[in-house]
Amino acid sequence: MIAVANPLRAVRNDSEYLASVIEGIEGPLVLVGHSYGGVVITNAAEGHDRVAALVYIGGFAPDVGESAADLAGQYEGGTLGETLVAFDLPDGNKDLYILQDKYRAQFAADVPEAEAARMGATQRPIVEAALNEPSAGAAWKSLPSWFLFGELDKNIPVAAHRFMAERAGARRTVELAGGSHSVGIPEAAQVVELIREAALATSEPVASAS
C-alpha cells in the first residue's frame, strides 16, 4: 500500500505525477482515489496496462471533457462553494480552503469533532482551476471499478455518485447511510473490504491517491 501525496495543482500535472509513481512500482496495481483524487486516478490509469482496477471512495469519475465542478454542479445538494475561502496565487490562480468553522459540517460531519478540527486545521488547498479542468481520460471505460460514498455527501451530491457508478458499470457500489464526504474515515473497515475485493478480483498490490 502506498499513499501518494496528490499535489492538487492541476489535473494534467497531478495525473502525470501519479503516473510517474506508478512507473516505479512493480506488478499489477489497484488505484484508489478520494474526492478530486478520483479525477487523478481516472487520468493516470490511461495507457498503463499494469493498472488492474479503480476504486472510488467518495470520488469523482469523470468522462473525457468533464470536470469535477461539472459533475458536482450537475445535481442538487452540493454546498461546497458556500464554505470556501480563496487566496490569490502569483500566477493568477487561487488556492481554495474550506473555512475551519464550516469544515466539519461540510466535509466530515460523521467524523469525531476533535478529528474533524484537526483535519480542518491541516487541510491542503486545491487550485481552483483544477476543479474546472476537463478530464483528458476516462479509464473506468476499460477498467473494472468499485464505488463507495456517503448518502449525505455535501461536496459531491449523492445523485452524482450514483450516476458515476452506474455509468462506469461498477462491480459493486456501496452507499452508506448518513455518510459524509469523509465517510471513508469512520467507515474505514468497509473501505478496506472494498479495496481487498478489487485487488482479489484483479491483482495485487494496491496503490492509492487522495
N, C-alpha and C. Protein backbone atom coordinates (compact mmCIF):
# COMPACT_ATOMS: atom_id res chain seq x y z
N MET A 1 0.85 -1.19 0.00
CA MET A 1 0.00 0.00 0.00
C MET A 1 0.88 1.23 0.00
N ILE A 2 0.66 2.13 -0.93
CA ILE A 2 1.38 3.40 -1.00
C ILE A 2 0.35 4.52 -1.04
N ALA A 3 0.42 5.45 -0.09
CA ALA A 3 -0.46 6.61 -0.07
C ALA A 3 0.28 7.75 -0.77
N VAL A 4 -0.12 8.04 -1.99
CA VAL A 4 0.57 9.05 -2.80
C VAL A 4 0.06 10.44 -2.44
N ALA A 5 0.98 11.38 -2.25
CA ALA A 5 0.62 12.76 -1.94
C ALA A 5 0.20 13.47 -3.22
N ASN A 6 -1.08 13.74 -3.33
CA ASN A 6 -1.63 14.39 -4.52
C ASN A 6 -1.27 15.88 -4.49
N PRO A 7 -0.60 16.42 -5.51
CA PRO A 7 -0.22 17.83 -5.47
C PRO A 7 -1.39 18.81 -5.43
N LEU A 8 -2.54 18.45 -6.01
CA LEU A 8 -3.74 19.32 -6.01
C LEU A 8 -3.51 20.63 -6.76
N ARG A 9 -2.72 20.55 -7.84
CA ARG A 9 -2.38 21.75 -8.60
C ARG A 9 -3.10 21.84 -9.94
N ALA A 10 -3.21 20.72 -10.65
CA ALA A 10 -3.86 20.69 -11.96
C ALA A 10 -4.08 19.24 -12.35
N VAL A 11 -5.17 18.97 -13.04
CA VAL A 11 -5.49 17.58 -13.40
C VAL A 11 -4.37 16.95 -14.19
N ARG A 12 -3.90 17.62 -15.22
CA ARG A 12 -2.85 17.03 -16.06
C ARG A 12 -1.57 16.81 -15.27
N ASN A 13 -1.13 17.82 -14.54
CA ASN A 13 0.12 17.70 -13.80
C ASN A 13 0.02 16.67 -12.68
N ASP A 14 -1.09 16.67 -11.96
CA ASP A 14 -1.26 15.73 -10.86
C ASP A 14 -1.33 14.29 -11.39
N SER A 15 -1.99 14.11 -12.52
CA SER A 15 -2.10 12.78 -13.12
C SER A 15 -0.75 12.29 -13.63
N GLU A 16 0.02 13.19 -14.21
CA GLU A 16 1.37 12.82 -14.67
C GLU A 16 2.26 12.46 -13.49
N TYR A 17 2.09 13.17 -12.38
CA TYR A 17 2.86 12.84 -11.19
C TYR A 17 2.51 11.44 -10.69
N LEU A 18 1.21 11.14 -10.58
CA LEU A 18 0.80 9.81 -10.13
C LEU A 18 1.29 8.75 -11.11
N ALA A 19 1.22 9.04 -12.40
CA ALA A 19 1.70 8.08 -13.40
C ALA A 19 3.19 7.80 -13.21
N SER A 20 3.96 8.81 -12.82
CA SER A 20 5.39 8.59 -12.58
C SER A 20 5.62 7.70 -11.37
N VAL A 21 4.75 7.82 -10.36
CA VAL A 21 4.84 6.94 -9.20
C VAL A 21 4.52 5.50 -9.60
N ILE A 22 3.48 5.36 -10.42
CA ILE A 22 3.09 4.03 -10.90
C ILE A 22 4.26 3.33 -11.59
N GLU A 23 5.00 4.10 -12.37
CA GLU A 23 6.12 3.53 -13.11
C GLU A 23 7.17 2.92 -12.19
N GLY A 24 7.25 3.42 -10.96
CA GLY A 24 8.25 2.93 -10.03
C GLY A 24 7.80 1.77 -9.16
N ILE A 25 6.58 1.27 -9.40
CA ILE A 25 6.05 0.16 -8.60
C ILE A 25 5.93 -1.07 -9.49
N GLU A 26 6.45 -2.17 -9.02
CA GLU A 26 6.40 -3.40 -9.81
C GLU A 26 5.07 -4.12 -9.60
N GLY A 27 4.65 -4.82 -10.64
CA GLY A 27 3.46 -5.66 -10.53
C GLY A 27 2.17 -4.94 -10.83
N PRO A 28 1.05 -5.68 -10.83
CA PRO A 28 -0.28 -5.11 -11.09
C PRO A 28 -0.72 -4.20 -9.96
N LEU A 29 -1.57 -3.24 -10.29
CA LEU A 29 -1.95 -2.20 -9.35
C LEU A 29 -3.46 -1.96 -9.31
N VAL A 30 -3.94 -1.57 -8.14
CA VAL A 30 -5.30 -1.05 -7.97
C VAL A 30 -5.14 0.40 -7.52
N LEU A 31 -5.74 1.34 -8.24
CA LEU A 31 -5.67 2.74 -7.88
C LEU A 31 -6.93 3.14 -7.11
N VAL A 32 -6.73 3.85 -6.00
CA VAL A 32 -7.83 4.27 -5.13
C VAL A 32 -7.81 5.78 -5.02
N GLY A 33 -8.94 6.44 -5.28
CA GLY A 33 -8.98 7.89 -5.23
C GLY A 33 -10.15 8.41 -4.44
N HIS A 34 -9.89 9.42 -3.60
CA HIS A 34 -10.95 10.09 -2.85
C HIS A 34 -11.15 11.50 -3.41
N SER A 35 -12.40 11.92 -3.57
CA SER A 35 -12.74 13.27 -3.98
C SER A 35 -12.09 13.59 -5.33
N TYR A 36 -11.35 14.71 -5.41
CA TYR A 36 -10.62 15.09 -6.63
C TYR A 36 -9.60 14.01 -7.02
N GLY A 37 -9.15 13.24 -6.04
CA GLY A 37 -8.25 12.14 -6.35
C GLY A 37 -8.84 11.15 -7.33
N GLY A 38 -10.17 11.07 -7.39
CA GLY A 38 -10.82 10.22 -8.37
C GLY A 38 -10.55 10.69 -9.79
N VAL A 39 -10.52 12.01 -10.00
CA VAL A 39 -10.18 12.56 -11.31
C VAL A 39 -8.76 12.16 -11.68
N VAL A 40 -7.87 12.23 -10.69
CA VAL A 40 -6.46 11.95 -10.94
C VAL A 40 -6.24 10.49 -11.32
N ILE A 41 -6.84 9.55 -10.59
CA ILE A 41 -6.63 8.14 -10.95
C ILE A 41 -7.29 7.82 -12.28
N THR A 42 -8.40 8.48 -12.59
CA THR A 42 -9.09 8.26 -13.86
C THR A 42 -8.19 8.61 -15.03
N ASN A 43 -7.37 9.64 -14.87
CA ASN A 43 -6.46 10.06 -15.92
C ASN A 43 -5.13 9.32 -15.87
N ALA A 44 -4.59 9.12 -14.68
CA ALA A 44 -3.28 8.48 -14.55
C ALA A 44 -3.28 7.04 -15.04
N ALA A 45 -4.43 6.36 -14.95
CA ALA A 45 -4.51 4.96 -15.35
C ALA A 45 -4.49 4.77 -16.86
N GLU A 46 -4.79 5.83 -17.61
CA GLU A 46 -4.83 5.71 -19.07
C GLU A 46 -3.46 5.31 -19.61
N GLY A 47 -3.45 4.24 -20.40
CA GLY A 47 -2.22 3.81 -21.04
C GLY A 47 -1.29 3.00 -20.16
N HIS A 48 -1.70 2.70 -18.93
CA HIS A 48 -0.86 1.90 -18.02
C HIS A 48 -1.49 0.53 -17.86
N ASP A 49 -0.92 -0.44 -18.57
CA ASP A 49 -1.57 -1.76 -18.60
C ASP A 49 -1.39 -2.54 -17.30
N ARG A 50 -0.59 -2.05 -16.36
CA ARG A 50 -0.46 -2.74 -15.08
C ARG A 50 -1.51 -2.30 -14.08
N VAL A 51 -2.28 -1.25 -14.41
CA VAL A 51 -3.41 -0.87 -13.55
C VAL A 51 -4.56 -1.81 -13.83
N ALA A 52 -4.99 -2.54 -12.80
CA ALA A 52 -5.99 -3.58 -12.98
C ALA A 52 -7.40 -3.15 -12.58
N ALA A 53 -7.50 -2.14 -11.71
CA ALA A 53 -8.83 -1.74 -11.22
C ALA A 53 -8.77 -0.35 -10.61
N LEU A 54 -9.94 0.26 -10.53
CA LEU A 54 -10.09 1.59 -9.94
C LEU A 54 -11.10 1.52 -8.81
N VAL A 55 -10.80 2.17 -7.69
CA VAL A 55 -11.71 2.22 -6.55
C VAL A 55 -11.94 3.69 -6.20
N TYR A 56 -13.20 4.10 -6.23
CA TYR A 56 -13.57 5.48 -5.95
C TYR A 56 -14.21 5.56 -4.57
N ILE A 57 -13.56 6.28 -3.65
CA ILE A 57 -14.08 6.46 -2.29
C ILE A 57 -14.55 7.90 -2.18
N GLY A 58 -15.84 8.12 -2.36
CA GLY A 58 -16.36 9.49 -2.39
C GLY A 58 -15.65 10.31 -3.43
N GLY A 59 -15.37 9.69 -4.58
CA GLY A 59 -14.53 10.32 -5.58
C GLY A 59 -15.22 10.58 -6.90
N PHE A 60 -14.65 11.52 -7.65
CA PHE A 60 -15.14 11.83 -9.00
C PHE A 60 -14.63 10.81 -10.00
N ALA A 61 -15.51 10.40 -10.91
CA ALA A 61 -15.14 9.52 -12.02
C ALA A 61 -15.60 10.20 -13.32
N PRO A 62 -14.85 11.18 -13.80
CA PRO A 62 -15.29 11.97 -14.95
C PRO A 62 -15.12 11.25 -16.28
N ASP A 63 -15.91 11.67 -17.24
CA ASP A 63 -15.72 11.26 -18.63
C ASP A 63 -14.78 12.28 -19.27
N VAL A 64 -14.30 11.97 -20.45
CA VAL A 64 -13.45 12.91 -21.17
C VAL A 64 -14.22 14.22 -21.39
N GLY A 65 -13.59 15.33 -21.05
CA GLY A 65 -14.21 16.63 -21.22
C GLY A 65 -14.98 17.13 -20.02
N GLU A 66 -15.22 16.27 -19.02
CA GLU A 66 -15.92 16.67 -17.81
C GLU A 66 -14.93 17.11 -16.74
N SER A 67 -15.33 18.06 -15.93
CA SER A 67 -14.51 18.49 -14.80
C SER A 67 -15.19 18.09 -13.49
N ALA A 68 -14.45 18.19 -12.40
CA ALA A 68 -15.03 17.94 -11.09
C ALA A 68 -16.18 18.91 -10.82
N ALA A 69 -15.98 20.17 -11.18
CA ALA A 69 -17.03 21.17 -10.97
C ALA A 69 -18.28 20.85 -11.78
N ASP A 70 -18.09 20.36 -13.01
CA ASP A 70 -19.24 19.97 -13.84
C ASP A 70 -20.08 18.92 -13.14
N LEU A 71 -19.42 17.88 -12.66
CA LEU A 71 -20.13 16.76 -12.05
C LEU A 71 -20.78 17.15 -10.74
N ALA A 72 -20.09 17.95 -9.92
CA ALA A 72 -20.66 18.37 -8.64
C ALA A 72 -21.86 19.29 -8.83
N GLY A 73 -21.84 20.08 -9.91
CA GLY A 73 -22.91 21.03 -10.15
C GLY A 73 -24.06 20.48 -10.96
N GLN A 74 -23.94 19.23 -11.41
CA GLN A 74 -24.96 18.63 -12.27
C GLN A 74 -26.22 18.26 -11.48
N TYR A 75 -26.07 18.07 -10.17
CA TYR A 75 -27.19 17.66 -9.33
C TYR A 75 -27.27 18.57 -8.11
N GLU A 76 -28.45 18.67 -7.53
CA GLU A 76 -28.65 19.49 -6.34
C GLU A 76 -28.07 18.80 -5.10
N GLY A 77 -27.70 19.62 -4.12
CA GLY A 77 -27.23 19.07 -2.86
C GLY A 77 -25.82 19.46 -2.48
N GLY A 78 -25.05 19.93 -3.44
CA GLY A 78 -23.68 20.34 -3.14
C GLY A 78 -23.63 21.75 -2.58
N THR A 79 -22.91 21.93 -1.47
CA THR A 79 -22.83 23.25 -0.83
C THR A 79 -21.39 23.69 -0.62
N LEU A 80 -20.44 23.07 -1.31
CA LEU A 80 -19.03 23.38 -1.09
C LEU A 80 -18.72 24.85 -1.35
N GLY A 81 -19.26 25.40 -2.43
CA GLY A 81 -18.94 26.78 -2.80
C GLY A 81 -19.25 27.78 -1.71
N GLU A 82 -20.25 27.49 -0.89
CA GLU A 82 -20.66 28.41 0.18
C GLU A 82 -19.69 28.40 1.36
N THR A 83 -18.78 27.44 1.40
CA THR A 83 -17.90 27.28 2.56
C THR A 83 -16.45 27.61 2.27
N LEU A 84 -16.15 28.03 1.04
CA LEU A 84 -14.76 28.20 0.62
C LEU A 84 -14.23 29.61 0.86
N VAL A 85 -12.92 29.67 1.08
CA VAL A 85 -12.20 30.93 1.10
C VAL A 85 -11.06 30.79 0.11
N ALA A 86 -10.78 31.85 -0.65
CA ALA A 86 -9.77 31.79 -1.72
C ALA A 86 -8.61 32.72 -1.40
N PHE A 87 -7.41 32.27 -1.76
CA PHE A 87 -6.19 33.08 -1.62
C PHE A 87 -5.53 33.18 -2.98
N ASP A 88 -5.22 34.39 -3.39
CA ASP A 88 -4.61 34.62 -4.69
C ASP A 88 -3.19 34.08 -4.75
N LEU A 89 -2.85 33.48 -5.88
CA LEU A 89 -1.50 32.97 -6.12
C LEU A 89 -0.79 33.89 -7.11
N PRO A 90 0.54 33.89 -7.11
CA PRO A 90 1.30 34.78 -8.01
C PRO A 90 1.00 34.58 -9.49
N ASP A 91 0.60 33.36 -9.88
CA ASP A 91 0.34 33.08 -11.29
C ASP A 91 -1.08 33.44 -11.72
N GLY A 92 -1.85 34.03 -10.82
CA GLY A 92 -3.22 34.42 -11.16
C GLY A 92 -4.27 33.41 -10.74
N ASN A 93 -3.86 32.21 -10.35
CA ASN A 93 -4.81 31.22 -9.86
C ASN A 93 -5.17 31.50 -8.40
N LYS A 94 -6.06 30.68 -7.86
CA LYS A 94 -6.49 30.82 -6.47
C LYS A 94 -6.40 29.49 -5.76
N ASP A 95 -5.88 29.51 -4.54
CA ASP A 95 -5.91 28.34 -3.68
C ASP A 95 -7.21 28.37 -2.87
N LEU A 96 -7.87 27.23 -2.79
CA LEU A 96 -9.15 27.15 -2.08
C LEU A 96 -9.02 26.32 -0.81
N TYR A 97 -9.56 26.85 0.27
CA TYR A 97 -9.68 26.14 1.54
C TYR A 97 -11.14 26.17 1.97
N ILE A 98 -11.52 25.20 2.80
CA ILE A 98 -12.83 25.26 3.45
C ILE A 98 -12.64 26.01 4.77
N LEU A 99 -13.50 26.98 5.03
CA LEU A 99 -13.42 27.72 6.29
C LEU A 99 -13.47 26.75 7.47
N GLN A 100 -12.58 26.94 8.42
CA GLN A 100 -12.46 25.97 9.50
C GLN A 100 -13.74 25.83 10.32
N ASP A 101 -14.47 26.93 10.51
CA ASP A 101 -15.69 26.84 11.31
C ASP A 101 -16.83 26.15 10.55
N LYS A 102 -16.63 25.92 9.26
CA LYS A 102 -17.65 25.23 8.47
C LYS A 102 -17.17 23.85 8.00
N TYR A 103 -15.94 23.52 8.34
CA TYR A 103 -15.31 22.32 7.79
C TYR A 103 -16.05 21.04 8.16
N ARG A 104 -16.32 20.87 9.44
CA ARG A 104 -16.93 19.60 9.86
C ARG A 104 -18.29 19.40 9.21
N ALA A 105 -19.15 20.40 9.26
CA ALA A 105 -20.49 20.26 8.70
C ALA A 105 -20.44 20.00 7.20
N GLN A 106 -19.50 20.62 6.50
CA GLN A 106 -19.41 20.48 5.06
C GLN A 106 -18.73 19.20 4.63
N PHE A 107 -17.64 18.85 5.29
CA PHE A 107 -16.73 17.83 4.77
C PHE A 107 -16.73 16.53 5.56
N ALA A 108 -16.95 16.65 6.87
CA ALA A 108 -16.70 15.48 7.73
C ALA A 108 -17.69 15.39 8.88
N ALA A 109 -18.97 15.48 8.59
CA ALA A 109 -19.99 15.51 9.63
C ALA A 109 -20.05 14.23 10.46
N ASP A 110 -19.60 13.11 9.89
CA ASP A 110 -19.65 11.83 10.60
C ASP A 110 -18.31 11.47 11.24
N VAL A 111 -17.38 12.41 11.25
CA VAL A 111 -16.07 12.22 11.87
C VAL A 111 -16.11 12.86 13.26
N PRO A 112 -15.48 12.25 14.29
CA PRO A 112 -15.47 12.86 15.62
C PRO A 112 -14.99 14.31 15.58
N GLU A 113 -15.56 15.13 16.45
CA GLU A 113 -15.32 16.57 16.39
C GLU A 113 -13.84 16.92 16.47
N ALA A 114 -13.12 16.31 17.39
CA ALA A 114 -11.70 16.64 17.55
C ALA A 114 -10.90 16.28 16.30
N GLU A 115 -11.22 15.13 15.71
CA GLU A 115 -10.52 14.71 14.49
C GLU A 115 -10.85 15.63 13.32
N ALA A 116 -12.12 16.01 13.21
CA ALA A 116 -12.53 16.92 12.15
C ALA A 116 -11.85 18.28 12.31
N ALA A 117 -11.67 18.74 13.55
CA ALA A 117 -10.98 20.01 13.79
C ALA A 117 -9.54 19.93 13.32
N ARG A 118 -8.89 18.80 13.57
CA ARG A 118 -7.51 18.62 13.09
C ARG A 118 -7.47 18.61 11.57
N MET A 119 -8.43 17.95 10.97
CA MET A 119 -8.50 17.90 9.51
C MET A 119 -8.67 19.29 8.93
N GLY A 120 -9.54 20.09 9.55
CA GLY A 120 -9.77 21.43 9.06
C GLY A 120 -8.54 22.31 9.18
N ALA A 121 -7.80 22.13 10.27
CA ALA A 121 -6.62 22.96 10.51
C ALA A 121 -5.44 22.57 9.60
N THR A 122 -5.40 21.30 9.18
CA THR A 122 -4.26 20.82 8.40
C THR A 122 -4.61 20.56 6.94
N GLN A 123 -5.79 20.96 6.51
CA GLN A 123 -6.21 20.71 5.12
C GLN A 123 -5.23 21.34 4.14
N ARG A 124 -5.02 20.66 3.02
CA ARG A 124 -4.19 21.17 1.95
C ARG A 124 -5.09 21.82 0.91
N PRO A 125 -4.68 22.97 0.37
CA PRO A 125 -5.53 23.67 -0.59
C PRO A 125 -5.48 23.04 -1.98
N ILE A 126 -6.54 23.25 -2.73
CA ILE A 126 -6.58 22.85 -4.13
C ILE A 126 -6.69 24.11 -4.97
N VAL A 127 -6.01 24.11 -6.10
CA VAL A 127 -6.10 25.25 -7.01
C VAL A 127 -7.48 25.24 -7.66
N GLU A 128 -8.13 26.39 -7.67
CA GLU A 128 -9.48 26.49 -8.23
C GLU A 128 -9.56 25.96 -9.65
N ALA A 129 -8.55 26.26 -10.45
CA ALA A 129 -8.56 25.84 -11.85
C ALA A 129 -8.58 24.32 -12.00
N ALA A 130 -8.02 23.60 -11.03
CA ALA A 130 -8.00 22.14 -11.11
C ALA A 130 -9.41 21.57 -11.07
N LEU A 131 -10.29 22.20 -10.30
CA LEU A 131 -11.66 21.72 -10.21
C LEU A 131 -12.45 21.97 -11.49
N ASN A 132 -11.97 22.90 -12.30
CA ASN A 132 -12.65 23.24 -13.56
C ASN A 132 -11.94 22.70 -14.79
N GLU A 133 -10.82 22.01 -14.59
CA GLU A 133 -10.05 21.48 -15.74
C GLU A 133 -10.71 20.21 -16.28
N PRO A 134 -11.01 20.16 -17.57
CA PRO A 134 -11.64 18.96 -18.14
C PRO A 134 -10.73 17.74 -18.08
N SER A 135 -11.33 16.62 -17.82
CA SER A 135 -10.59 15.36 -17.81
C SER A 135 -10.17 14.98 -19.23
N ALA A 136 -8.95 14.49 -19.36
CA ALA A 136 -8.46 14.03 -20.66
C ALA A 136 -8.60 12.53 -20.81
N GLY A 137 -9.02 11.86 -19.75
CA GLY A 137 -9.15 10.40 -19.80
C GLY A 137 -10.40 9.92 -19.10
N ALA A 138 -10.72 8.67 -19.31
CA ALA A 138 -11.86 8.03 -18.65
C ALA A 138 -11.54 6.54 -18.52
N ALA A 139 -10.56 6.24 -17.67
CA ALA A 139 -10.06 4.87 -17.57
C ALA A 139 -11.11 3.87 -17.10
N TRP A 140 -12.17 4.35 -16.45
CA TRP A 140 -13.23 3.45 -15.99
C TRP A 140 -13.97 2.79 -17.15
N LYS A 141 -13.78 3.32 -18.35
CA LYS A 141 -14.43 2.70 -19.51
C LYS A 141 -13.79 1.37 -19.87
N SER A 142 -12.52 1.20 -19.52
CA SER A 142 -11.81 -0.02 -19.88
C SER A 142 -11.34 -0.84 -18.68
N LEU A 143 -11.50 -0.29 -17.46
CA LEU A 143 -11.06 -0.99 -16.26
C LEU A 143 -12.25 -1.23 -15.32
N PRO A 144 -12.26 -2.34 -14.60
CA PRO A 144 -13.33 -2.57 -13.62
C PRO A 144 -13.22 -1.57 -12.49
N SER A 145 -14.36 -1.18 -11.94
CA SER A 145 -14.36 -0.15 -10.90
C SER A 145 -15.28 -0.52 -9.75
N TRP A 146 -14.97 0.06 -8.58
CA TRP A 146 -15.75 -0.11 -7.36
C TRP A 146 -16.00 1.26 -6.78
N PHE A 147 -17.16 1.49 -6.18
CA PHE A 147 -17.51 2.80 -5.65
C PHE A 147 -18.03 2.68 -4.22
N LEU A 148 -17.62 3.63 -3.37
CA LEU A 148 -18.16 3.75 -2.02
C LEU A 148 -18.33 5.24 -1.75
N PHE A 149 -19.49 5.62 -1.21
CA PHE A 149 -19.75 7.04 -0.93
C PHE A 149 -20.82 7.18 0.14
N GLY A 150 -20.90 8.39 0.69
CA GLY A 150 -21.87 8.66 1.75
C GLY A 150 -23.14 9.27 1.21
N GLU A 151 -24.23 8.92 1.82
CA GLU A 151 -25.56 9.41 1.42
C GLU A 151 -25.68 10.92 1.59
N LEU A 152 -24.97 11.49 2.57
CA LEU A 152 -25.09 12.91 2.90
C LEU A 152 -23.85 13.70 2.50
N ASP A 153 -23.18 13.26 1.46
CA ASP A 153 -22.00 13.98 0.95
C ASP A 153 -22.45 15.36 0.46
N LYS A 154 -21.83 16.42 1.00
CA LYS A 154 -22.19 17.78 0.60
C LYS A 154 -21.21 18.37 -0.41
N ASN A 155 -20.12 17.67 -0.68
CA ASN A 155 -19.19 18.11 -1.72
C ASN A 155 -19.60 17.57 -3.08
N ILE A 156 -19.92 16.29 -3.12
CA ILE A 156 -20.39 15.64 -4.35
C ILE A 156 -21.77 15.08 -4.04
N PRO A 157 -22.83 15.65 -4.59
CA PRO A 157 -24.18 15.17 -4.28
C PRO A 157 -24.33 13.67 -4.53
N VAL A 158 -25.11 13.02 -3.69
CA VAL A 158 -25.25 11.57 -3.80
C VAL A 158 -25.77 11.16 -5.17
N ALA A 159 -26.61 12.00 -5.79
CA ALA A 159 -27.11 11.68 -7.12
C ALA A 159 -25.98 11.63 -8.14
N ALA A 160 -24.97 12.46 -7.95
CA ALA A 160 -23.81 12.44 -8.85
C ALA A 160 -23.01 11.17 -8.64
N HIS A 161 -22.85 10.76 -7.39
CA HIS A 161 -22.15 9.49 -7.12
C HIS A 161 -22.87 8.32 -7.78
N ARG A 162 -24.18 8.28 -7.61
CA ARG A 162 -24.94 7.18 -8.20
C ARG A 162 -24.81 7.17 -9.71
N PHE A 163 -24.89 8.36 -10.31
CA PHE A 163 -24.76 8.49 -11.75
C PHE A 163 -23.41 7.97 -12.23
N MET A 164 -22.34 8.38 -11.56
CA MET A 164 -21.00 7.98 -11.99
C MET A 164 -20.79 6.48 -11.83
N ALA A 165 -21.27 5.92 -10.73
CA ALA A 165 -21.11 4.49 -10.50
C ALA A 165 -21.88 3.67 -11.53
N GLU A 166 -23.10 4.09 -11.82
CA GLU A 166 -23.91 3.36 -12.81
C GLU A 166 -23.30 3.49 -14.20
N ARG A 167 -22.86 4.69 -14.54
CA ARG A 167 -22.26 4.91 -15.86
C ARG A 167 -21.00 4.07 -16.05
N ALA A 168 -20.23 3.92 -14.98
CA ALA A 168 -18.99 3.16 -15.06
C ALA A 168 -19.23 1.65 -15.04
N GLY A 169 -20.47 1.25 -14.78
CA GLY A 169 -20.74 -0.18 -14.68
C GLY A 169 -20.02 -0.80 -13.50
N ALA A 170 -20.06 -0.13 -12.36
CA ALA A 170 -19.31 -0.55 -11.18
C ALA A 170 -19.57 -2.00 -10.82
N ARG A 171 -18.50 -2.70 -10.45
CA ARG A 171 -18.64 -4.09 -10.00
C ARG A 171 -19.45 -4.15 -8.70
N ARG A 172 -19.20 -3.16 -7.84
CA ARG A 172 -20.01 -3.05 -6.63
C ARG A 172 -20.07 -1.59 -6.21
N THR A 173 -21.24 -1.16 -5.75
CA THR A 173 -21.44 0.20 -5.27
C THR A 173 -21.94 0.13 -3.84
N VAL A 174 -21.25 0.83 -2.94
CA VAL A 174 -21.62 0.86 -1.53
C VAL A 174 -22.03 2.28 -1.17
N GLU A 175 -23.29 2.47 -0.85
CA GLU A 175 -23.80 3.77 -0.41
C GLU A 175 -24.10 3.68 1.08
N LEU A 176 -23.42 4.50 1.87
CA LEU A 176 -23.53 4.41 3.31
C LEU A 176 -24.46 5.48 3.86
N ALA A 177 -25.49 5.04 4.55
CA ALA A 177 -26.48 5.96 5.13
C ALA A 177 -25.81 6.89 6.13
N GLY A 178 -26.11 8.18 6.01
CA GLY A 178 -25.57 9.17 6.94
C GLY A 178 -24.12 9.54 6.70
N GLY A 179 -23.51 8.98 5.67
CA GLY A 179 -22.10 9.21 5.42
C GLY A 179 -21.83 10.58 4.81
N SER A 180 -20.72 11.19 5.22
CA SER A 180 -20.31 12.49 4.70
C SER A 180 -19.30 12.31 3.57
N HIS A 181 -18.69 13.41 3.13
CA HIS A 181 -17.66 13.33 2.11
C HIS A 181 -16.44 12.56 2.62
N SER A 182 -16.26 12.55 3.94
CA SER A 182 -15.14 11.83 4.56
C SER A 182 -15.59 10.51 5.15
N VAL A 183 -16.59 9.89 4.55
CA VAL A 183 -17.16 8.66 5.08
C VAL A 183 -16.12 7.56 5.22
N GLY A 184 -15.06 7.63 4.44
CA GLY A 184 -14.02 6.61 4.50
C GLY A 184 -13.26 6.58 5.81
N ILE A 185 -13.38 7.63 6.62
CA ILE A 185 -12.69 7.64 7.92
C ILE A 185 -13.47 6.83 8.95
N PRO A 186 -14.73 7.18 9.26
CA PRO A 186 -15.46 6.36 10.24
C PRO A 186 -15.79 4.97 9.72
N GLU A 187 -15.81 4.81 8.40
CA GLU A 187 -16.15 3.50 7.81
C GLU A 187 -14.92 2.89 7.14
N ALA A 188 -13.77 3.06 7.78
CA ALA A 188 -12.52 2.57 7.19
C ALA A 188 -12.54 1.07 6.91
N ALA A 189 -13.20 0.32 7.77
CA ALA A 189 -13.24 -1.13 7.58
C ALA A 189 -13.93 -1.49 6.27
N GLN A 190 -14.99 -0.78 5.93
CA GLN A 190 -15.68 -1.06 4.67
C GLN A 190 -14.83 -0.64 3.47
N VAL A 191 -14.05 0.44 3.63
CA VAL A 191 -13.15 0.85 2.57
C VAL A 191 -12.11 -0.23 2.31
N VAL A 192 -11.52 -0.74 3.39
CA VAL A 192 -10.52 -1.80 3.27
C VAL A 192 -11.13 -3.03 2.58
N GLU A 193 -12.33 -3.39 2.99
CA GLU A 193 -13.00 -4.55 2.39
C GLU A 193 -13.20 -4.37 0.89
N LEU A 194 -13.59 -3.16 0.48
CA LEU A 194 -13.84 -2.91 -0.93
C LEU A 194 -12.54 -2.95 -1.74
N ILE A 195 -11.47 -2.37 -1.19
CA ILE A 195 -10.18 -2.40 -1.88
C ILE A 195 -9.68 -3.83 -1.99
N ARG A 196 -9.82 -4.60 -0.94
CA ARG A 196 -9.41 -6.01 -0.99
C ARG A 196 -10.21 -6.76 -2.04
N GLU A 197 -11.49 -6.47 -2.11
CA GLU A 197 -12.33 -7.13 -3.11
C GLU A 197 -11.81 -6.83 -4.51
N ALA A 198 -11.50 -5.54 -4.77
CA ALA A 198 -10.98 -5.15 -6.08
C ALA A 198 -9.64 -5.82 -6.36
N ALA A 199 -8.79 -5.88 -5.34
CA ALA A 199 -7.48 -6.49 -5.52
C ALA A 199 -7.59 -7.98 -5.80
N LEU A 200 -8.45 -8.66 -5.06
CA LEU A 200 -8.61 -10.10 -5.26
C LEU A 200 -9.27 -10.40 -6.60
N ALA A 201 -10.15 -9.51 -7.03
CA ALA A 201 -10.82 -9.73 -8.32
C ALA A 201 -9.91 -9.47 -9.51
N THR A 202 -8.82 -8.76 -9.25
CA THR A 202 -7.89 -8.42 -10.34
C THR A 202 -6.48 -8.84 -10.00
N SER A 203 -5.75 -7.96 -9.31
CA SER A 203 -4.36 -8.24 -8.99
C SER A 203 -3.94 -7.45 -7.77
N GLU A 204 -2.75 -7.75 -7.29
CA GLU A 204 -2.15 -7.04 -6.17
C GLU A 204 -0.76 -6.57 -6.62
N PRO A 205 -0.14 -5.58 -5.89
CA PRO A 205 -0.55 -4.87 -4.70
C PRO A 205 -1.49 -3.72 -4.99
N VAL A 206 -1.70 -2.85 -4.00
CA VAL A 206 -2.63 -1.74 -4.11
C VAL A 206 -1.88 -0.42 -3.95
N ALA A 207 -2.19 0.57 -4.79
CA ALA A 207 -1.65 1.92 -4.62
C ALA A 207 -2.82 2.88 -4.46
N SER A 208 -2.62 4.00 -3.79
CA SER A 208 -3.72 4.94 -3.56
C SER A 208 -3.31 6.37 -3.78
N ALA A 209 -4.32 7.21 -4.04
CA ALA A 209 -4.10 8.66 -4.18
C ALA A 209 -5.28 9.36 -3.57
N SER A 210 -5.07 10.46 -2.92
CA SER A 210 -6.18 11.20 -2.32
C SER A 210 -5.92 12.69 -2.41
